[in-house]
Amino acid sequence: MIITPIEKHQSEQAKHVILSGFLERFGFIDHTLNPDIHDISLEYDGTQHHFFVGKEKNKIICTGAIRKESHHTYQIVRMSVLSSYRKRGLGRIMLQHLEDKARFLGAHRLILETNKQWADAIQFYKNNGFTYMEEDEISCYFEKEIPL
């Protein structure tokens, strides 16, 4: 898998990867919950927020992004791998890429949230060094300190 910053012409294909994961997991898509992917290249312009795509043979199979939350904290968002490409370590590769990019940008801490019913995602983040912080009715929240 080759990971690159998203290009404008890739936005619809990346959006499809993300939304297909939601549809598979929840059985429906609530578009009001995803305003940041209506125009990915505008929202993730590479200054404060960065969006990446993982490709095989020019097909986008994986997505991930980081959003600057404060001077030394970035949030991991939009992690998704097409179902037919899962269980190959691609999510772990993308997550490491996001962590490396955040470190390069000066992050000392990563945060993320995931649906608390999504057991596979929760275990994935725990297995990759994220620590459970708290939860609410819908989500679990995690953090990870980035060594300097």
Protein backbone atom coordinates (compact mmCIF):
# COMPACT_ATOMS: atom_id res chain seq x y z
CA MET A 1 0.00 0.00 0.00
CA ILE A 2 1.23 3.46 -0.92
CA ILE A 3 0.08 6.32 1.35
CA THR A 4 -0.16 9.84 -0.03
CA PRO A 5 -1.90 13.09 0.90
CA ILE A 6 -5.32 13.19 -0.72
CA GLU A 7 -5.70 14.99 -4.03
CA LYS A 8 -8.92 16.80 -4.92
CA HIS A 9 -9.87 14.29 -7.63
CA GLN A 10 -9.67 11.45 -5.06
CA SER A 11 -12.23 12.95 -2.66
CA GLU A 12 -15.28 11.02 -3.87
CA GLN A 13 -13.46 7.69 -3.84
CA ALA A 14 -12.14 8.37 -0.32
CA LYS A 15 -15.62 9.38 0.84
CA HIS A 16 -16.93 6.08 -0.54
CA VAL A 17 -14.38 4.11 1.51
CA ILE A 18 -15.45 5.90 4.70
CA LEU A 19 -19.20 5.68 4.09
CA SER A 20 -19.10 2.03 3.00
CA GLY A 21 -17.58 1.21 6.38
CA PHE A 22 -20.38 3.04 8.16
CA LEU A 23 -23.03 1.34 6.05
CA GLU A 24 -21.49 -2.06 6.72
CA ARG A 25 -21.24 -1.43 10.46
CA PHE A 26 -24.49 0.42 11.18
CA GLY A 27 -26.75 -0.48 8.25
CA PHE A 28 -27.39 3.17 7.37
CA ILE A 29 -25.56 6.44 6.82
CA ASP A 30 -26.48 9.66 8.62
CA HIS A 31 -24.92 12.30 6.39
CA THR A 32 -25.49 15.02 8.99
CA LEU A 33 -22.86 13.34 11.19
CA ASN A 34 -20.14 13.65 8.56
CA PRO A 35 -19.88 17.30 7.45
CA ASP A 36 -16.08 17.15 7.17
CA ILE A 37 -16.22 14.71 4.25
CA HIS A 38 -18.62 16.72 2.09
CA ASP A 39 -15.57 18.51 0.70
CA ILE A 40 -12.50 16.65 1.94
CA SER A 41 -9.94 18.77 0.10
CA LEU A 42 -11.41 21.97 1.57
CA GLU A 43 -11.70 20.64 5.14
CA TYR A 44 -8.34 18.85 5.11
CA ASP A 45 -6.22 21.41 3.31
CA GLY A 46 -2.85 20.25 4.65
CA THR A 47 -2.31 23.19 7.00
CA GLN A 48 -4.09 22.31 10.28
CA HIS A 49 -5.82 19.13 9.13
CA HIS A 50 -4.28 16.41 6.96
CA PHE A 51 -6.06 13.61 5.05
CA PHE A 52 -4.28 10.57 3.60
CA VAL A 53 -5.26 7.76 1.29
CA GLY A 54 -3.76 4.30 1.03
CA LYS A 55 -3.73 2.93 -2.50
CA GLU A 56 -3.06 -0.33 -4.27
CA LYS A 57 -2.91 -0.16 -8.05
CA ASN A 58 -4.38 3.37 -7.95
CA LYS A 59 -7.45 2.17 -6.02
CA ILE A 60 -8.09 3.86 -2.68
CA ILE A 61 -8.45 1.08 -0.12
CA CYS A 62 -7.70 2.89 3.14
CA THR A 63 -8.14 6.37 4.62
CA GLY A 64 -6.97 8.24 7.68
CA ALA A 65 -6.62 11.83 8.82
CA ILE A 66 -5.30 14.00 11.61
CA ARG A 67 -6.87 17.21 12.90
CA LYS A 68 -4.93 19.73 14.97
CA GLU A 69 -6.74 20.20 18.27
CA SER A 70 -4.14 22.28 20.13
CA HIS A 71 -0.47 23.18 19.88
CA HIS A 72 0.75 19.65 20.76
CA THR A 73 -2.39 17.52 20.28
CA TYR A 74 -3.79 15.98 17.11
CA GLN A 75 -6.94 13.90 16.74
CA ILE A 76 -6.96 10.75 14.60
CA VAL A 77 -10.09 10.65 12.43
CA ARG A 78 -11.49 8.97 9.33
CA MET A 79 -9.67 5.67 9.75
CA SER A 80 -11.25 3.22 7.34
CA VAL A 81 -10.19 0.19 5.33
CA LEU A 82 -12.35 -1.37 2.61
CA SER A 83 -13.79 -4.64 3.92
CA SER A 84 -12.14 -6.82 1.27
CA TYR A 85 -8.70 -5.47 2.30
CA ARG A 86 -9.01 -5.89 6.08
CA LYS A 87 -6.92 -8.25 8.21
CA ARG A 88 -3.78 -7.42 6.21
CA GLY A 89 -2.32 -4.85 8.62
CA LEU A 90 -3.27 -1.88 6.45
CA GLY A 91 -5.06 -0.06 9.27
CA ARG A 92 -1.97 -0.43 11.45
CA ILE A 93 0.22 0.93 8.63
CA MET A 94 -2.08 3.94 8.15
CA LEU A 95 -2.25 4.58 11.90
CA GLN A 96 1.55 4.55 12.12
CA HIS A 97 1.74 6.94 9.18
CA LEU A 98 -0.66 9.34 10.94
CA GLU A 99 1.32 9.11 14.16
CA ASP A 100 4.58 9.81 12.32
CA LYS A 101 3.04 12.82 10.52
CA ALA A 102 1.65 14.22 13.78
CA ARG A 103 5.05 13.79 15.46
CA PHE A 104 6.70 15.60 12.54
CA LEU A 105 4.20 18.45 13.01
CA GLY A 106 5.09 18.75 16.70
CA ALA A 107 2.45 16.59 18.38
CA HIS A 108 3.18 15.14 21.79
CA ARG A 109 -0.27 13.58 22.16
CA LEU A 110 -2.85 11.88 19.95
CA ILE A 111 -6.52 11.54 20.79
CA LEU A 112 -9.36 9.71 19.08
CA GLU A 113 -12.89 8.54 19.56
CA THR A 114 -14.77 5.54 18.26
CA ASN A 115 -18.27 4.16 18.63
CA LYS A 116 -18.41 2.18 21.87
CA GLN A 117 -20.29 -0.65 20.14
CA TRP A 118 -17.43 -1.09 17.68
CA ALA A 119 -15.45 -3.73 19.62
CA ASP A 120 -12.97 -4.44 16.79
CA ALA A 121 -12.00 -0.77 16.56
CA ILE A 122 -11.65 -0.45 20.33
CA GLN A 123 -9.34 -3.46 20.46
CA PHE A 124 -7.40 -2.20 17.44
CA TYR A 125 -6.59 1.10 19.16
CA LYS A 126 -5.70 -0.60 22.45
CA ASN A 127 -3.38 -2.97 20.57
CA ASN A 128 -1.69 0.06 19.02
CA GLY A 129 -0.82 1.78 22.28
CA PHE A 130 -3.86 3.96 22.86
CA THR A 131 -5.17 4.26 26.41
CA TYR A 132 -8.87 4.37 27.26
CA MET A 133 -9.83 7.74 28.81
CA GLU A 134 -13.63 7.80 29.13
CA GLU A 135 -16.90 7.16 27.34
CA ASP A 136 -20.34 8.66 26.91
CA GLU A 137 -23.57 7.15 25.60
CA ILE A 138 -22.16 6.78 22.08
CA SER A 139 -18.36 6.92 22.04
CA CYS A 140 -15.18 5.75 23.73
CA TYR A 141 -12.27 8.20 23.93
CA PHE A 142 -8.60 7.25 23.78
CA GLU A 143 -5.23 8.98 23.96
CA LYS A 144 -1.62 8.17 23.27
CA GLU A 145 1.48 10.07 24.31
CA ILE A 146 4.01 10.35 21.50
CA PRO A 147 7.60 9.89 22.63
CA LEU A 148 9.91 12.63 21.46
